[in-house]
Amino acid sequence: MRATICELSTAAHDVRHFRSASVAAHARSLGLAAGSLVLATDLPLLTQTTNSPALVLAASPAPVSTGVLGTVVTYTTSNIPEFAPGSGIYVGMNVLSLGQAALGVDLVVIGAGGCKAYISSLDFTQTMVGATSTQTVSFTVPTSITAGFELYSQSVALMLPFSLPNGQNAFGLTVSNGVRQRIDSF
């Protein structure tokens, strides 16, 4: 289903037209076609007014555990924002958890409004500090883990509090998507 900004707005007609025209002008300035968006195909969306892409977590290869060996899984976190604007330092953490929070837990309570935790505990954490916006950490899957066992992971990036536009994110934290991995025996 396609919906325009005008159709989504509940404000008065003149305000809807203004918002629609502003959004269309902004989209044209970014080289995007004006009009409707299909979220399934028009991703990734930008999460800040400074056009910073969202924090992304990926894992590979698939985790395998046999009686004699376990694979080494690499977790790659991309689009980490600078800790302080212009510093060239990127700080983050990858978390492995034995449980998930499927609907996400809103982190507004700690000052990171709009961010959700998709893990239920901090069972294994690894810090990431570097000079690039993409950082990796590795985890060796132990031997003899029962096939079907699931691990959950999510990354966080740290930045100076209130460094986002309009003082957003008082805590100075942004989060990635969650990753669920099912351990296989082959």
N, C-alpha and C. Protein backbone atom coordinates (compact mmCIF):
# COMPACT_ATOMS: atom_id res chain seq x y z
N MET A 1 0.84 -1.18 0.00
CA MET A 1 0.00 0.00 0.00
C MET A 1 0.88 1.24 0.00
N ARG A 2 0.57 2.20 -0.83
CA ARG A 2 1.30 3.45 -0.88
C ARG A 2 0.46 4.52 -0.20
N ALA A 3 1.12 5.34 0.60
CA ALA A 3 0.43 6.46 1.24
C ALA A 3 1.34 7.67 1.15
N THR A 4 0.77 8.81 0.82
CA THR A 4 1.57 10.02 0.78
C THR A 4 1.54 10.67 2.15
N ILE A 5 2.44 11.64 2.34
CA ILE A 5 2.47 12.37 3.61
C ILE A 5 1.12 13.03 3.85
N CYS A 6 0.49 13.52 2.79
CA CYS A 6 -0.82 14.16 2.94
C CYS A 6 -1.84 13.19 3.52
N GLU A 7 -1.83 11.94 3.04
CA GLU A 7 -2.80 10.96 3.52
C GLU A 7 -2.52 10.53 4.95
N LEU A 8 -1.25 10.61 5.38
CA LEU A 8 -0.90 10.19 6.72
C LEU A 8 -1.13 11.27 7.77
N SER A 9 -1.17 12.52 7.35
CA SER A 9 -1.29 13.63 8.28
C SER A 9 -2.72 13.76 8.78
N THR A 10 -2.87 14.16 10.02
CA THR A 10 -4.20 14.40 10.58
C THR A 10 -4.43 15.89 10.78
N ALA A 11 -3.49 16.72 10.35
CA ALA A 11 -3.61 18.18 10.53
C ALA A 11 -4.54 18.76 9.48
N ALA A 12 -4.76 20.07 9.55
CA ALA A 12 -5.62 20.76 8.58
C ALA A 12 -5.01 20.68 7.19
N HIS A 13 -5.85 20.89 6.15
CA HIS A 13 -5.42 20.73 4.76
C HIS A 13 -4.22 21.61 4.42
N ASP A 14 -4.23 22.91 4.82
CA ASP A 14 -3.13 23.78 4.46
C ASP A 14 -1.82 23.34 5.12
N VAL A 15 -1.88 22.82 6.33
CA VAL A 15 -0.69 22.30 7.00
C VAL A 15 -0.22 21.03 6.30
N ARG A 16 -1.15 20.16 5.91
CA ARG A 16 -0.77 18.92 5.20
C ARG A 16 -0.05 19.27 3.91
N HIS A 17 -0.59 20.26 3.19
CA HIS A 17 0.03 20.65 1.92
C HIS A 17 1.44 21.19 2.18
N PHE A 18 1.60 22.02 3.20
CA PHE A 18 2.91 22.57 3.52
C PHE A 18 3.89 21.45 3.87
N ARG A 19 3.46 20.51 4.73
CA ARG A 19 4.34 19.40 5.10
C ARG A 19 4.70 18.56 3.89
N SER A 20 3.70 18.28 3.06
CA SER A 20 3.95 17.46 1.89
C SER A 20 4.94 18.16 0.96
N ALA A 21 4.77 19.46 0.75
CA ALA A 21 5.67 20.20 -0.12
C ALA A 21 7.07 20.25 0.47
N SER A 22 7.17 20.44 1.80
CA SER A 22 8.48 20.48 2.45
C SER A 22 9.19 19.14 2.34
N VAL A 23 8.47 18.06 2.58
CA VAL A 23 9.06 16.73 2.48
C VAL A 23 9.49 16.44 1.05
N ALA A 24 8.64 16.81 0.09
CA ALA A 24 8.98 16.59 -1.32
C ALA A 24 10.21 17.38 -1.71
N ALA A 25 10.31 18.63 -1.26
CA ALA A 25 11.48 19.46 -1.58
C ALA A 25 12.74 18.85 -0.96
N HIS A 26 12.63 18.40 0.28
CA HIS A 26 13.77 17.76 0.94
C HIS A 26 14.17 16.48 0.20
N ALA A 27 13.20 15.69 -0.22
CA ALA A 27 13.50 14.45 -0.95
C ALA A 27 14.20 14.76 -2.26
N ARG A 28 13.73 15.81 -2.97
CA ARG A 28 14.38 16.20 -4.22
C ARG A 28 15.81 16.64 -3.97
N SER A 29 16.06 17.36 -2.86
CA SER A 29 17.42 17.83 -2.56
C SER A 29 18.36 16.66 -2.28
N LEU A 30 17.81 15.53 -1.85
CA LEU A 30 18.62 14.33 -1.59
C LEU A 30 18.70 13.43 -2.81
N GLY A 31 18.08 13.85 -3.91
CA GLY A 31 18.11 13.05 -5.13
C GLY A 31 17.06 11.96 -5.15
N LEU A 32 16.05 12.05 -4.30
CA LEU A 32 14.99 11.06 -4.26
C LEU A 32 13.80 11.55 -5.06
N ALA A 33 13.03 10.64 -5.58
CA ALA A 33 11.82 11.00 -6.31
C ALA A 33 10.77 11.50 -5.33
N ALA A 34 10.06 12.54 -5.70
CA ALA A 34 9.00 13.04 -4.84
C ALA A 34 7.80 12.12 -4.92
N GLY A 35 6.97 12.13 -3.90
CA GLY A 35 5.75 11.34 -3.92
C GLY A 35 5.75 10.31 -2.81
N SER A 36 5.10 9.20 -3.08
CA SER A 36 4.90 8.17 -2.08
C SER A 36 6.17 7.39 -1.80
N LEU A 37 6.21 6.78 -0.61
CA LEU A 37 7.30 5.90 -0.21
C LEU A 37 6.73 4.52 0.07
N VAL A 38 7.46 3.50 -0.33
CA VAL A 38 7.13 2.13 0.04
C VAL A 38 8.23 1.69 1.00
N LEU A 39 7.90 1.60 2.28
CA LEU A 39 8.92 1.33 3.28
C LEU A 39 9.63 0.01 3.06
N ALA A 40 8.98 -0.96 2.46
CA ALA A 40 9.61 -2.25 2.23
C ALA A 40 10.76 -2.16 1.24
N THR A 41 10.73 -1.19 0.34
CA THR A 41 11.77 -1.09 -0.67
C THR A 41 12.58 0.19 -0.59
N ASP A 42 12.13 1.20 0.15
CA ASP A 42 12.82 2.48 0.21
C ASP A 42 13.71 2.63 1.44
N LEU A 43 14.14 1.51 2.00
CA LEU A 43 15.01 1.56 3.16
C LEU A 43 16.46 1.53 2.71
N PRO A 44 17.45 1.97 3.45
CA PRO A 44 17.32 2.42 4.84
C PRO A 44 16.84 3.86 4.92
N LEU A 45 16.13 4.15 5.99
CA LEU A 45 15.70 5.51 6.26
C LEU A 45 16.77 6.18 7.10
N LEU A 46 16.90 7.47 7.00
CA LEU A 46 17.87 8.20 7.79
C LEU A 46 17.25 8.55 9.12
N THR A 47 18.05 8.47 10.18
CA THR A 47 17.49 8.62 11.52
C THR A 47 17.77 9.96 12.17
N GLN A 48 18.61 10.80 11.55
CA GLN A 48 18.90 12.10 12.12
C GLN A 48 18.74 13.14 11.02
N THR A 49 18.54 14.39 11.43
CA THR A 49 18.42 15.44 10.43
C THR A 49 19.75 15.71 9.76
N THR A 50 20.85 15.19 10.30
CA THR A 50 22.16 15.37 9.68
C THR A 50 22.43 14.25 8.69
N ASN A 51 21.39 13.50 8.32
CA ASN A 51 21.47 12.42 7.34
C ASN A 51 22.46 11.33 7.73
N SER A 52 22.44 10.94 8.98
CA SER A 52 23.27 9.84 9.44
C SER A 52 22.48 8.55 9.31
N PRO A 53 23.06 7.54 8.66
CA PRO A 53 22.34 6.27 8.53
C PRO A 53 22.25 5.56 9.87
N ALA A 54 21.28 4.68 9.99
CA ALA A 54 21.06 3.94 11.23
C ALA A 54 22.20 2.97 11.50
N LEU A 55 22.42 2.69 12.77
CA LEU A 55 23.41 1.70 13.21
C LEU A 55 22.94 0.33 12.75
N VAL A 56 23.81 -0.45 12.13
CA VAL A 56 23.44 -1.75 11.56
C VAL A 56 24.35 -2.84 12.11
N LEU A 57 23.76 -3.95 12.54
CA LEU A 57 24.50 -5.10 13.02
C LEU A 57 24.27 -6.28 12.09
N ALA A 58 25.35 -6.96 11.70
CA ALA A 58 25.28 -8.17 10.89
C ALA A 58 26.19 -9.22 11.52
N ALA A 59 25.86 -10.50 11.32
CA ALA A 59 26.66 -11.59 11.87
C ALA A 59 26.91 -12.64 10.80
N SER A 60 28.14 -13.18 10.78
CA SER A 60 28.45 -14.27 9.86
C SER A 60 29.70 -14.99 10.35
N PRO A 61 29.87 -16.25 10.05
CA PRO A 61 28.93 -17.16 9.42
C PRO A 61 27.88 -17.63 10.42
N ALA A 62 26.99 -18.52 9.96
CA ALA A 62 25.99 -19.09 10.86
C ALA A 62 26.70 -19.88 11.95
N PRO A 63 26.22 -19.80 13.19
CA PRO A 63 26.89 -20.50 14.28
C PRO A 63 26.67 -22.01 14.22
N VAL A 64 27.77 -22.76 14.36
CA VAL A 64 27.73 -24.22 14.34
C VAL A 64 28.48 -24.72 15.56
N SER A 65 27.94 -25.73 16.21
CA SER A 65 28.59 -26.35 17.36
C SER A 65 28.49 -27.86 17.23
N THR A 66 29.65 -28.52 17.22
CA THR A 66 29.68 -29.98 17.18
C THR A 66 30.35 -30.46 18.46
N GLY A 67 30.55 -31.77 18.57
CA GLY A 67 31.21 -32.32 19.74
C GLY A 67 32.67 -31.94 19.85
N VAL A 68 33.28 -31.49 18.73
CA VAL A 68 34.71 -31.18 18.76
C VAL A 68 35.05 -29.74 18.41
N LEU A 69 34.14 -29.01 17.77
CA LEU A 69 34.48 -27.62 17.47
C LEU A 69 33.24 -26.75 17.37
N GLY A 70 33.49 -25.44 17.51
CA GLY A 70 32.45 -24.43 17.33
C GLY A 70 32.97 -23.37 16.38
N THR A 71 32.11 -22.76 15.63
CA THR A 71 32.55 -21.74 14.68
C THR A 71 32.86 -20.42 15.38
N VAL A 72 33.62 -19.60 14.71
CA VAL A 72 33.89 -18.25 15.17
C VAL A 72 32.94 -17.34 14.38
N VAL A 73 32.04 -16.69 15.09
CA VAL A 73 31.06 -15.80 14.47
C VAL A 73 31.59 -14.37 14.60
N THR A 74 31.57 -13.65 13.50
CA THR A 74 32.01 -12.25 13.49
C THR A 74 30.78 -11.35 13.45
N TYR A 75 30.71 -10.43 14.40
CA TYR A 75 29.63 -9.45 14.47
C TYR A 75 30.17 -8.12 13.96
N THR A 76 29.56 -7.61 12.91
CA THR A 76 30.01 -6.37 12.29
C THR A 76 28.96 -5.28 12.53
N THR A 77 29.41 -4.20 13.15
CA THR A 77 28.53 -3.06 13.41
C THR A 77 28.97 -1.92 12.49
N SER A 78 28.03 -1.43 11.69
CA SER A 78 28.32 -0.38 10.72
C SER A 78 27.57 0.90 11.06
N ASN A 79 28.06 1.99 10.53
CA ASN A 79 27.46 3.32 10.69
C ASN A 79 27.53 3.84 12.11
N ILE A 80 28.60 3.50 12.82
CA ILE A 80 28.79 4.02 14.18
C ILE A 80 29.09 5.51 14.07
N PRO A 81 28.36 6.35 14.81
CA PRO A 81 28.66 7.79 14.77
C PRO A 81 29.92 8.10 15.57
N GLU A 82 30.56 9.22 15.25
CA GLU A 82 31.73 9.63 16.02
C GLU A 82 31.34 9.89 17.46
N PHE A 83 32.23 9.55 18.38
CA PHE A 83 31.95 9.78 19.79
C PHE A 83 31.74 11.27 20.06
N ALA A 84 32.64 12.08 19.53
CA ALA A 84 32.50 13.54 19.59
C ALA A 84 32.67 14.05 18.17
N PRO A 85 31.82 14.95 17.72
CA PRO A 85 31.93 15.44 16.34
C PRO A 85 33.36 15.92 16.02
N GLY A 86 33.91 15.37 14.93
CA GLY A 86 35.25 15.75 14.49
C GLY A 86 36.39 15.03 15.18
N SER A 87 36.08 14.13 16.12
CA SER A 87 37.15 13.45 16.89
C SER A 87 37.80 12.31 16.12
N GLY A 88 37.07 11.69 15.19
CA GLY A 88 37.61 10.53 14.49
C GLY A 88 37.66 9.27 15.34
N ILE A 89 36.98 9.29 16.48
CA ILE A 89 36.95 8.14 17.39
C ILE A 89 35.52 7.59 17.42
N TYR A 90 35.41 6.29 17.25
CA TYR A 90 34.12 5.61 17.21
C TYR A 90 34.08 4.59 18.34
N VAL A 91 33.05 4.68 19.19
CA VAL A 91 32.95 3.85 20.39
C VAL A 91 31.63 3.10 20.39
N GLY A 92 31.71 1.81 20.66
CA GLY A 92 30.49 1.02 20.72
C GLY A 92 30.68 -0.23 21.56
N MET A 93 29.64 -1.03 21.63
CA MET A 93 29.67 -2.27 22.37
C MET A 93 28.71 -3.25 21.69
N ASN A 94 29.14 -4.50 21.59
CA ASN A 94 28.27 -5.56 21.10
C ASN A 94 27.89 -6.42 22.29
N VAL A 95 26.62 -6.77 22.36
CA VAL A 95 26.10 -7.55 23.49
C VAL A 95 25.50 -8.84 22.97
N LEU A 96 25.88 -9.96 23.59
CA LEU A 96 25.23 -11.24 23.33
C LEU A 96 24.35 -11.55 24.53
N SER A 97 23.17 -12.08 24.24
CA SER A 97 22.20 -12.37 25.28
C SER A 97 21.60 -13.75 25.06
N LEU A 98 21.21 -14.39 26.13
CA LEU A 98 20.55 -15.68 26.04
C LEU A 98 19.04 -15.52 25.87
N GLY A 99 18.56 -14.29 25.97
CA GLY A 99 17.12 -14.04 25.82
C GLY A 99 16.87 -12.82 24.97
N GLN A 100 15.65 -12.69 24.51
CA GLN A 100 15.27 -11.56 23.67
C GLN A 100 14.10 -10.79 24.26
N ALA A 101 13.99 -9.55 23.84
CA ALA A 101 12.82 -8.73 24.13
C ALA A 101 12.20 -8.46 22.76
N ALA A 102 11.35 -9.35 22.32
CA ALA A 102 10.86 -9.37 20.94
C ALA A 102 10.24 -8.05 20.49
N LEU A 103 9.51 -7.38 21.34
CA LEU A 103 8.87 -6.12 20.97
C LEU A 103 9.77 -4.93 21.25
N GLY A 104 10.88 -5.16 21.91
CA GLY A 104 11.80 -4.09 22.25
C GLY A 104 11.39 -3.37 23.52
N VAL A 105 12.38 -2.96 24.28
CA VAL A 105 12.16 -2.19 25.50
C VAL A 105 12.60 -0.77 25.21
N ASP A 106 11.68 0.19 25.32
CA ASP A 106 11.99 1.58 25.02
C ASP A 106 13.00 2.11 26.04
N LEU A 107 14.07 2.71 25.54
CA LEU A 107 15.13 3.21 26.42
C LEU A 107 14.95 4.68 26.78
N VAL A 108 13.75 5.21 26.61
CA VAL A 108 13.47 6.60 26.97
C VAL A 108 13.74 6.82 28.46
N VAL A 109 13.58 5.79 29.26
CA VAL A 109 13.76 5.88 30.70
C VAL A 109 15.20 6.27 31.08
N ILE A 110 16.17 5.95 30.21
CA ILE A 110 17.56 6.34 30.49
C ILE A 110 17.99 7.54 29.65
N GLY A 111 17.06 8.13 28.91
CA GLY A 111 17.37 9.31 28.12
C GLY A 111 17.72 9.02 26.67
N ALA A 112 17.42 7.82 26.20
CA ALA A 112 17.70 7.44 24.81
C ALA A 112 16.37 7.19 24.11
N GLY A 113 15.53 8.20 24.09
CA GLY A 113 14.21 8.08 23.48
C GLY A 113 14.29 7.66 22.02
N GLY A 114 13.39 6.79 21.61
CA GLY A 114 13.36 6.28 20.25
C GLY A 114 14.22 5.05 20.05
N CYS A 115 15.04 4.71 21.03
CA CYS A 115 15.90 3.52 20.95
C CYS A 115 15.24 2.38 21.71
N LYS A 116 15.33 1.17 21.17
CA LYS A 116 14.76 0.00 21.82
C LYS A 116 15.81 -1.09 21.99
N ALA A 117 15.80 -1.73 23.15
CA ALA A 117 16.67 -2.88 23.41
C ALA A 117 15.90 -4.14 23.01
N TYR A 118 16.51 -4.95 22.16
CA TYR A 118 15.89 -6.19 21.72
C TYR A 118 16.52 -7.41 22.38
N ILE A 119 17.33 -7.19 23.38
CA ILE A 119 17.94 -8.27 24.15
C ILE A 119 17.44 -8.15 25.59
N SER A 120 17.40 -9.28 26.28
CA SER A 120 16.84 -9.24 27.64
C SER A 120 17.90 -9.15 28.73
N SER A 121 19.16 -9.38 28.39
CA SER A 121 20.22 -9.34 29.41
C SER A 121 21.56 -9.07 28.74
N LEU A 122 22.53 -8.66 29.54
CA LEU A 122 23.88 -8.40 29.05
C LEU A 122 24.77 -9.58 29.44
N ASP A 123 24.61 -10.72 28.76
CA ASP A 123 25.32 -11.94 29.15
C ASP A 123 26.79 -11.95 28.74
N PHE A 124 27.12 -11.36 27.60
CA PHE A 124 28.51 -11.30 27.14
C PHE A 124 28.67 -10.01 26.36
N THR A 125 29.56 -9.13 26.81
CA THR A 125 29.74 -7.84 26.14
C THR A 125 31.17 -7.71 25.63
N GLN A 126 31.30 -7.03 24.49
CA GLN A 126 32.61 -6.74 23.92
C GLN A 126 32.60 -5.29 23.47
N THR A 127 33.61 -4.54 23.90
CA THR A 127 33.69 -3.14 23.51
C THR A 127 34.33 -3.01 22.13
N MET A 128 34.00 -1.91 21.48
CA MET A 128 34.56 -1.60 20.16
C MET A 128 35.00 -0.15 20.19
N VAL A 129 36.28 0.10 19.96
CA VAL A 129 36.82 1.46 19.87
C VAL A 129 37.75 1.47 18.67
N GLY A 130 37.57 2.44 17.79
CA GLY A 130 38.43 2.48 16.62
C GLY A 130 38.35 3.79 15.88
N ALA A 131 39.04 3.82 14.74
CA ALA A 131 39.12 5.03 13.93
C ALA A 131 38.20 4.98 12.71
N THR A 132 37.35 3.94 12.61
CA THR A 132 36.42 3.85 11.49
C THR A 132 35.01 3.61 12.03
N SER A 133 34.03 3.89 11.18
CA SER A 133 32.63 3.76 11.61
C SER A 133 32.11 2.33 11.50
N THR A 134 32.95 1.40 11.08
CA THR A 134 32.59 -0.01 11.07
C THR A 134 33.56 -0.76 11.97
N GLN A 135 33.02 -1.48 12.94
CA GLN A 135 33.83 -2.22 13.90
C GLN A 135 33.35 -3.67 13.96
N THR A 136 34.27 -4.58 14.26
CA THR A 136 33.90 -6.00 14.37
C THR A 136 34.41 -6.58 15.68
N VAL A 137 33.67 -7.56 16.15
CA VAL A 137 34.09 -8.38 17.29
C VAL A 137 33.77 -9.83 16.93
N SER A 138 34.43 -10.76 17.59
CA SER A 138 34.21 -12.19 17.29
C SER A 138 33.81 -12.93 18.55
N PHE A 139 33.08 -14.01 18.34
CA PHE A 139 32.65 -14.88 19.43
C PHE A 139 32.79 -16.32 18.96
N THR A 140 33.50 -17.12 19.73
CA THR A 140 33.66 -18.54 19.40
C THR A 140 32.53 -19.32 20.07
N VAL A 141 31.72 -19.97 19.26
CA VAL A 141 30.62 -20.76 19.78
C VAL A 141 31.22 -21.99 20.48
N PRO A 142 30.85 -22.23 21.73
CA PRO A 142 31.41 -23.39 22.45
C PRO A 142 31.03 -24.71 21.79
N THR A 143 31.79 -25.74 22.05
CA THR A 143 31.49 -27.07 21.52
C THR A 143 30.32 -27.67 22.29
N SER A 144 29.66 -28.62 21.65
CA SER A 144 28.59 -29.43 22.25
C SER A 144 27.36 -28.64 22.69
N ILE A 145 27.08 -27.54 22.02
CA ILE A 145 25.83 -26.80 22.29
C ILE A 145 24.72 -27.49 21.52
N THR A 146 23.60 -27.68 22.15
CA THR A 146 22.46 -28.36 21.53
C THR A 146 21.97 -27.60 20.31
N ALA A 147 21.76 -28.32 19.21
CA ALA A 147 21.23 -27.70 17.99
C ALA A 147 19.87 -27.07 18.30
N GLY A 148 19.64 -25.89 17.77
CA GLY A 148 18.39 -25.16 18.01
C GLY A 148 18.51 -24.10 19.09
N PHE A 149 19.60 -24.13 19.86
CA PHE A 149 19.83 -23.12 20.88
C PHE A 149 19.96 -21.76 20.21
N GLU A 150 19.38 -20.71 20.79
CA GLU A 150 19.41 -19.40 20.17
C GLU A 150 20.22 -18.39 20.98
N LEU A 151 20.96 -17.57 20.25
CA LEU A 151 21.69 -16.43 20.81
C LEU A 151 21.10 -15.17 20.21
N TYR A 152 21.09 -14.10 20.97
CA TYR A 152 20.57 -12.82 20.51
C TYR A 152 21.67 -11.78 20.69
N SER A 153 21.75 -10.86 19.75
CA SER A 153 22.80 -9.85 19.81
C SER A 153 22.25 -8.49 19.39
N GLN A 154 22.85 -7.45 19.95
CA GLN A 154 22.53 -6.08 19.58
C GLN A 154 23.76 -5.24 19.90
N SER A 155 24.01 -4.23 19.07
CA SER A 155 25.12 -3.32 19.31
C SER A 155 24.61 -1.96 19.74
N VAL A 156 25.44 -1.26 20.48
CA VAL A 156 25.15 0.13 20.87
C VAL A 156 26.35 0.98 20.48
N ALA A 157 26.10 2.22 20.16
CA ALA A 157 27.16 3.18 19.89
C ALA A 157 27.01 4.31 20.90
N LEU A 158 28.13 4.81 21.36
CA LEU A 158 28.13 5.90 22.33
C LEU A 158 28.58 7.19 21.68
N MET A 159 27.98 8.28 22.10
CA MET A 159 28.35 9.61 21.62
C MET A 159 28.16 10.58 22.77
N LEU A 160 28.67 11.77 22.62
CA LEU A 160 28.49 12.76 23.68
C LEU A 160 27.01 13.00 23.91
N PRO A 161 26.58 13.04 25.17
CA PRO A 161 25.16 13.35 25.44
C PRO A 161 24.77 14.69 24.83
N PHE A 162 23.56 14.75 24.35
CA PHE A 162 22.96 15.96 23.75
C PHE A 162 23.66 16.40 22.46
N SER A 163 24.48 15.55 21.83
CA SER A 163 25.21 15.97 20.64
C SER A 163 24.39 15.85 19.35
N LEU A 164 23.22 15.23 19.43
CA LEU A 164 22.35 15.16 18.26
C LEU A 164 21.60 16.47 18.11
N PRO A 165 21.06 16.74 16.92
CA PRO A 165 20.32 18.00 16.72
C PRO A 165 19.21 18.19 17.75
N ASN A 166 19.02 19.41 18.17
CA ASN A 166 17.97 19.80 19.13
C ASN A 166 18.15 19.13 20.49
N GLY A 167 19.35 18.70 20.83
CA GLY A 167 19.60 18.11 22.14
C GLY A 167 18.97 16.75 22.33
N GLN A 168 18.66 16.06 21.23
CA GLN A 168 18.04 14.74 21.33
C GLN A 168 19.01 13.76 21.96
N ASN A 169 18.47 12.74 22.56
CA ASN A 169 19.23 11.65 23.15
C ASN A 169 20.15 12.13 24.26
N ALA A 170 19.55 12.42 25.39
CA ALA A 170 20.28 12.93 26.55
C ALA A 170 21.34 11.94 27.05
N PHE A 171 21.15 10.66 26.82
CA PHE A 171 22.10 9.66 27.31
C PHE A 171 23.34 9.57 26.44
N GLY A 172 23.20 9.82 25.14
CA GLY A 172 24.34 9.69 24.23
C GLY A 172 24.52 8.26 23.75
N LEU A 173 23.44 7.59 23.44
CA LEU A 173 23.48 6.20 23.03
C LEU A 173 22.53 5.98 21.86
N THR A 174 22.96 5.18 20.91
CA THR A 174 22.08 4.75 19.84
C THR A 174 22.26 3.25 19.67
N VAL A 175 21.23 2.57 19.20
CA VAL A 175 21.26 1.10 19.14
C VAL A 175 21.06 0.60 17.71
N SER A 176 21.52 -0.62 17.49
CA SER A 176 21.35 -1.28 16.20
C SER A 176 20.09 -2.12 16.20
N ASN A 177 19.90 -2.78 15.08
CA ASN A 177 18.87 -3.82 15.00
C ASN A 177 19.31 -4.98 15.89
N GLY A 178 18.40 -5.87 16.18
CA GLY A 178 18.74 -7.08 16.91
C GLY A 178 19.00 -8.22 15.92
N VAL A 179 19.86 -9.15 16.31
CA VAL A 179 20.16 -10.32 15.48
C VAL A 179 19.88 -11.57 16.31
N ARG A 180 19.11 -12.49 15.73
CA ARG A 180 18.85 -13.78 16.37
C ARG A 180 19.59 -14.84 15.57
N GLN A 181 20.33 -15.70 16.28
CA GLN A 181 21.05 -16.78 15.62
C GLN A 181 20.70 -18.11 16.27
N ARG A 182 20.41 -19.08 15.44
CA ARG A 182 20.08 -20.42 15.89
C ARG A 182 21.30 -21.32 15.63
N ILE A 183 21.77 -21.97 16.67
CA ILE A 183 22.96 -22.81 16.53
C ILE A 183 22.58 -24.13 15.88
N ASP A 184 23.38 -24.51 14.87
CA ASP A 184 23.19 -25.78 14.17
C ASP A 184 24.34 -26.72 14.53
N SER A 185 24.15 -28.00 14.20
CA SER A 185 25.19 -28.99 14.48
C SER A 185 25.92 -29.42 13.20
N PHE A 186 25.70 -28.72 12.11
CA PHE A 186 26.39 -29.06 10.85
C PHE A 186 26.76 -27.82 10.08
